[in-house]
Amino acid sequence: MANHKSAEKRIRANEAKRVRNRYQHKTTRTLVKKLKTTTQKPEADTLLKEVSSMLDKLAKKNIIHWKKAANQKSKLTKLVNKLGK
């Protein structure tokens, strides 16, 4: 258990950040699943733009690795481009 005020504050701050990070990560995963099941090209394009932005933000904050974000964006872009054909 923490013995100093600063350590107690750090514990509280870390918990708040953990909850926020989990929420953002889960929200992004949900939108990725929604994008994968989309069959209409216009809807997929708007979702891709939104998901790409979210993935970039997660990578910027080190919630996910930047290469994982790049790989996911690449695969999702390929998937959306196939819808047009």
N, C-alpha and C. Protein backbone atom coordinates (compact mmCIF):
# COMPACT_ATOMS: atom_id res chain seq x y z
N MET A 1 0.84 -1.19 0.00
CA MET A 1 0.00 0.00 0.00
C MET A 1 0.87 1.24 0.00
N ALA A 2 0.34 2.32 -0.53
CA ALA A 2 1.11 3.56 -0.67
C ALA A 2 1.35 4.21 0.68
N ASN A 3 2.54 4.78 0.81
CA ASN A 3 2.91 5.45 2.06
C ASN A 3 2.99 6.96 1.92
N HIS A 4 2.94 7.49 0.73
CA HIS A 4 3.06 8.93 0.52
C HIS A 4 1.86 9.45 -0.25
N LYS A 5 1.57 10.73 -0.05
CA LYS A 5 0.44 11.34 -0.75
C LYS A 5 0.61 11.25 -2.26
N SER A 6 1.83 11.50 -2.72
CA SER A 6 2.07 11.47 -4.16
C SER A 6 1.86 10.07 -4.73
N ALA A 7 2.22 9.04 -3.95
CA ALA A 7 2.02 7.67 -4.41
C ALA A 7 0.53 7.34 -4.47
N GLU A 8 -0.24 7.84 -3.49
CA GLU A 8 -1.68 7.60 -3.51
C GLU A 8 -2.33 8.30 -4.71
N LYS A 9 -1.86 9.52 -4.98
CA LYS A 9 -2.38 10.25 -6.14
C LYS A 9 -2.04 9.52 -7.43
N ARG A 10 -0.83 9.00 -7.52
CA ARG A 10 -0.39 8.27 -8.71
C ARG A 10 -1.27 7.04 -8.92
N ILE A 11 -1.63 6.35 -7.84
CA ILE A 11 -2.51 5.18 -7.93
C ILE A 11 -3.86 5.59 -8.49
N ARG A 12 -4.41 6.69 -7.98
CA ARG A 12 -5.71 7.17 -8.47
C ARG A 12 -5.62 7.57 -9.94
N ALA A 13 -4.57 8.27 -10.30
CA ALA A 13 -4.41 8.72 -11.69
C ALA A 13 -4.25 7.54 -12.63
N ASN A 14 -3.46 6.55 -12.22
CA ASN A 14 -3.25 5.37 -13.06
C ASN A 14 -4.55 4.61 -13.28
N GLU A 15 -5.38 4.52 -12.26
CA GLU A 15 -6.66 3.83 -12.39
C GLU A 15 -7.57 4.57 -13.38
N ALA A 16 -7.59 5.90 -13.27
CA ALA A 16 -8.42 6.69 -14.18
C ALA A 16 -7.94 6.51 -15.62
N LYS A 17 -6.63 6.52 -15.84
CA LYS A 17 -6.08 6.34 -17.18
C LYS A 17 -6.36 4.94 -17.70
N ARG A 18 -6.28 3.93 -16.82
CA ARG A 18 -6.54 2.56 -17.23
C ARG A 18 -7.98 2.41 -17.73
N VAL A 19 -8.90 2.98 -16.99
CA VAL A 19 -10.32 2.90 -17.38
C VAL A 19 -10.55 3.61 -18.71
N ARG A 20 -9.95 4.79 -18.87
CA ARG A 20 -10.11 5.56 -20.11
C ARG A 20 -9.51 4.80 -21.29
N ASN A 21 -8.33 4.22 -21.10
CA ASN A 21 -7.67 3.47 -22.17
C ASN A 21 -8.49 2.24 -22.57
N ARG A 22 -9.03 1.54 -21.58
CA ARG A 22 -9.86 0.36 -21.88
C ARG A 22 -11.08 0.76 -22.68
N TYR A 23 -11.73 1.87 -22.30
CA TYR A 23 -12.92 2.33 -23.00
C TYR A 23 -12.58 2.67 -24.46
N GLN A 24 -11.51 3.43 -24.67
CA GLN A 24 -11.13 3.82 -26.02
C GLN A 24 -10.75 2.61 -26.87
N HIS A 25 -10.03 1.67 -26.28
CA HIS A 25 -9.62 0.47 -27.01
C HIS A 25 -10.84 -0.37 -27.39
N LYS A 26 -11.75 -0.55 -26.46
CA LYS A 26 -12.95 -1.36 -26.71
C LYS A 26 -13.84 -0.70 -27.77
N THR A 27 -13.97 0.62 -27.69
CA THR A 27 -14.78 1.34 -28.67
C THR A 27 -14.22 1.16 -30.08
N THR A 28 -12.90 1.24 -30.18
CA THR A 28 -12.24 1.07 -31.48
C THR A 28 -12.45 -0.35 -32.00
N ARG A 29 -12.30 -1.35 -31.13
CA ARG A 29 -12.50 -2.75 -31.56
C ARG A 29 -13.91 -2.96 -32.06
N THR A 30 -14.89 -2.34 -31.40
CA THR A 30 -16.28 -2.48 -31.80
C THR A 30 -16.50 -1.89 -33.19
N LEU A 31 -15.92 -0.71 -33.44
CA LEU A 31 -16.06 -0.10 -34.76
C LEU A 31 -15.34 -0.90 -35.84
N VAL A 32 -14.22 -1.52 -35.50
CA VAL A 32 -13.51 -2.36 -36.47
C VAL A 32 -14.40 -3.53 -36.86
N LYS A 33 -15.04 -4.16 -35.89
CA LYS A 33 -15.95 -5.27 -36.19
C LYS A 33 -17.11 -4.81 -37.07
N LYS A 34 -17.64 -3.61 -36.77
CA LYS A 34 -18.74 -3.07 -37.56
C LYS A 34 -18.29 -2.83 -39.00
N LEU A 35 -17.08 -2.31 -39.15
CA LEU A 35 -16.53 -2.05 -40.49
C LEU A 35 -16.36 -3.35 -41.26
N LYS A 36 -15.90 -4.41 -40.59
CA LYS A 36 -15.68 -5.68 -41.26
C LYS A 36 -16.98 -6.31 -41.76
N THR A 37 -18.09 -6.01 -41.09
CA THR A 37 -19.37 -6.60 -41.49
C THR A 37 -20.15 -5.73 -42.47
N THR A 38 -19.66 -4.53 -42.74
CA THR A 38 -20.34 -3.61 -43.65
C THR A 38 -20.22 -4.09 -45.09
N THR A 39 -21.30 -3.94 -45.84
CA THR A 39 -21.29 -4.37 -47.24
C THR A 39 -21.45 -3.20 -48.20
N GLN A 40 -21.91 -2.04 -47.73
CA GLN A 40 -22.08 -0.87 -48.59
C GLN A 40 -20.78 -0.06 -48.63
N LYS A 41 -20.34 0.30 -49.84
CA LYS A 41 -19.08 1.03 -50.03
C LYS A 41 -19.09 2.41 -49.37
N PRO A 42 -20.14 3.24 -49.55
CA PRO A 42 -20.11 4.59 -48.95
C PRO A 42 -20.04 4.55 -47.42
N GLU A 43 -20.80 3.66 -46.84
CA GLU A 43 -20.79 3.52 -45.38
C GLU A 43 -19.42 3.03 -44.90
N ALA A 44 -18.83 2.11 -45.65
CA ALA A 44 -17.52 1.58 -45.28
C ALA A 44 -16.45 2.66 -45.37
N ASP A 45 -16.55 3.54 -46.36
CA ASP A 45 -15.57 4.61 -46.50
C ASP A 45 -15.59 5.55 -45.30
N THR A 46 -16.79 5.93 -44.86
CA THR A 46 -16.88 6.83 -43.71
C THR A 46 -16.40 6.14 -42.44
N LEU A 47 -16.75 4.87 -42.30
CA LEU A 47 -16.30 4.12 -41.13
C LEU A 47 -14.78 3.95 -41.13
N LEU A 48 -14.22 3.70 -42.30
CA LEU A 48 -12.77 3.52 -42.40
C LEU A 48 -12.03 4.78 -41.95
N LYS A 49 -12.53 5.91 -42.38
CA LYS A 49 -11.91 7.18 -41.99
C LYS A 49 -11.94 7.35 -40.47
N GLU A 50 -13.08 7.04 -39.87
CA GLU A 50 -13.24 7.17 -38.42
C GLU A 50 -12.36 6.17 -37.67
N VAL A 51 -12.35 4.92 -38.13
CA VAL A 51 -11.55 3.88 -37.48
C VAL A 51 -10.06 4.17 -37.60
N SER A 52 -9.63 4.63 -38.76
CA SER A 52 -8.22 4.96 -38.96
C SER A 52 -7.78 6.04 -37.99
N SER A 53 -8.62 7.02 -37.82
CA SER A 53 -8.32 8.10 -36.89
C SER A 53 -8.21 7.57 -35.45
N MET A 54 -9.13 6.71 -35.08
CA MET A 54 -9.10 6.14 -33.73
C MET A 54 -7.86 5.28 -33.51
N LEU A 55 -7.50 4.49 -34.51
CA LEU A 55 -6.30 3.66 -34.40
C LEU A 55 -5.05 4.52 -34.25
N ASP A 56 -5.00 5.61 -35.01
CA ASP A 56 -3.85 6.52 -34.91
C ASP A 56 -3.76 7.12 -33.51
N LYS A 57 -4.90 7.48 -32.95
CA LYS A 57 -4.90 8.06 -31.60
C LYS A 57 -4.45 7.04 -30.56
N LEU A 58 -4.91 5.79 -30.71
CA LEU A 58 -4.49 4.74 -29.77
C LEU A 58 -2.99 4.51 -29.87
N ALA A 59 -2.46 4.52 -31.09
CA ALA A 59 -1.03 4.31 -31.28
C ALA A 59 -0.23 5.48 -30.71
N LYS A 60 -0.73 6.68 -30.90
CA LYS A 60 -0.05 7.87 -30.42
C LYS A 60 0.07 7.85 -28.89
N LYS A 61 -0.96 7.35 -28.23
CA LYS A 61 -0.97 7.30 -26.77
C LYS A 61 -0.36 6.00 -26.23
N ASN A 62 0.20 5.19 -27.11
CA ASN A 62 0.81 3.91 -26.74
C ASN A 62 -0.17 2.94 -26.07
N ILE A 63 -1.42 3.02 -26.44
CA ILE A 63 -2.40 2.05 -25.97
C ILE A 63 -2.23 0.77 -26.78
N ILE A 64 -1.95 0.93 -28.08
CA ILE A 64 -1.57 -0.20 -28.92
C ILE A 64 -0.27 0.17 -29.62
N HIS A 65 0.44 -0.82 -30.11
CA HIS A 65 1.71 -0.59 -30.80
C HIS A 65 1.44 0.08 -32.14
N TRP A 66 2.34 0.98 -32.54
CA TRP A 66 2.11 1.72 -33.78
C TRP A 66 2.12 0.82 -35.01
N LYS A 67 2.87 -0.28 -34.95
CA LYS A 67 2.87 -1.19 -36.10
C LYS A 67 1.57 -1.99 -36.17
N LYS A 68 1.00 -2.29 -35.03
CA LYS A 68 -0.29 -2.98 -35.02
C LYS A 68 -1.36 -2.08 -35.64
N ALA A 69 -1.32 -0.80 -35.29
CA ALA A 69 -2.27 0.15 -35.87
C ALA A 69 -2.09 0.23 -37.38
N ALA A 70 -0.85 0.28 -37.83
CA ALA A 70 -0.57 0.36 -39.26
C ALA A 70 -1.07 -0.89 -39.98
N ASN A 71 -0.83 -2.06 -39.39
CA ASN A 71 -1.29 -3.31 -40.00
C ASN A 71 -2.80 -3.36 -40.09
N GLN A 72 -3.48 -2.95 -39.01
CA GLN A 72 -4.94 -2.97 -39.03
C GLN A 72 -5.49 -2.01 -40.06
N LYS A 73 -4.93 -0.81 -40.14
CA LYS A 73 -5.39 0.16 -41.13
C LYS A 73 -5.20 -0.37 -42.54
N SER A 74 -4.07 -1.02 -42.79
CA SER A 74 -3.79 -1.57 -44.10
C SER A 74 -4.80 -2.65 -44.48
N LYS A 75 -5.04 -3.57 -43.57
CA LYS A 75 -5.98 -4.67 -43.85
C LYS A 75 -7.39 -4.15 -44.05
N LEU A 76 -7.80 -3.17 -43.23
CA LEU A 76 -9.15 -2.62 -43.36
C LEU A 76 -9.31 -1.85 -44.66
N THR A 77 -8.26 -1.16 -45.07
CA THR A 77 -8.31 -0.43 -46.34
C THR A 77 -8.45 -1.39 -47.51
N LYS A 78 -7.70 -2.49 -47.47
CA LYS A 78 -7.82 -3.51 -48.52
C LYS A 78 -9.25 -4.06 -48.57
N LEU A 79 -9.81 -4.30 -47.39
CA LEU A 79 -11.17 -4.84 -47.30
C LEU A 79 -12.18 -3.87 -47.91
N VAL A 80 -12.03 -2.59 -47.60
CA VAL A 80 -12.97 -1.59 -48.12
C VAL A 80 -12.78 -1.44 -49.63
N ASN A 81 -11.55 -1.51 -50.12
CA ASN A 81 -11.31 -1.38 -51.55
C ASN A 81 -11.90 -2.54 -52.32
N LYS A 82 -11.97 -3.73 -51.72
CA LYS A 82 -12.59 -4.88 -52.39
C LYS A 82 -14.09 -4.69 -52.56
N LEU A 83 -14.70 -3.90 -51.67
CA LEU A 83 -16.14 -3.69 -51.76
C LEU A 83 -16.52 -2.96 -53.06
N GLY A 84 -15.63 -2.13 -53.55
CA GLY A 84 -15.93 -1.36 -54.76
C GLY A 84 -15.94 -2.19 -56.01
N LYS A 85 -15.30 -3.36 -55.99
CA LYS A 85 -15.18 -4.18 -57.20
C LYS A 85 -16.35 -5.07 -57.41
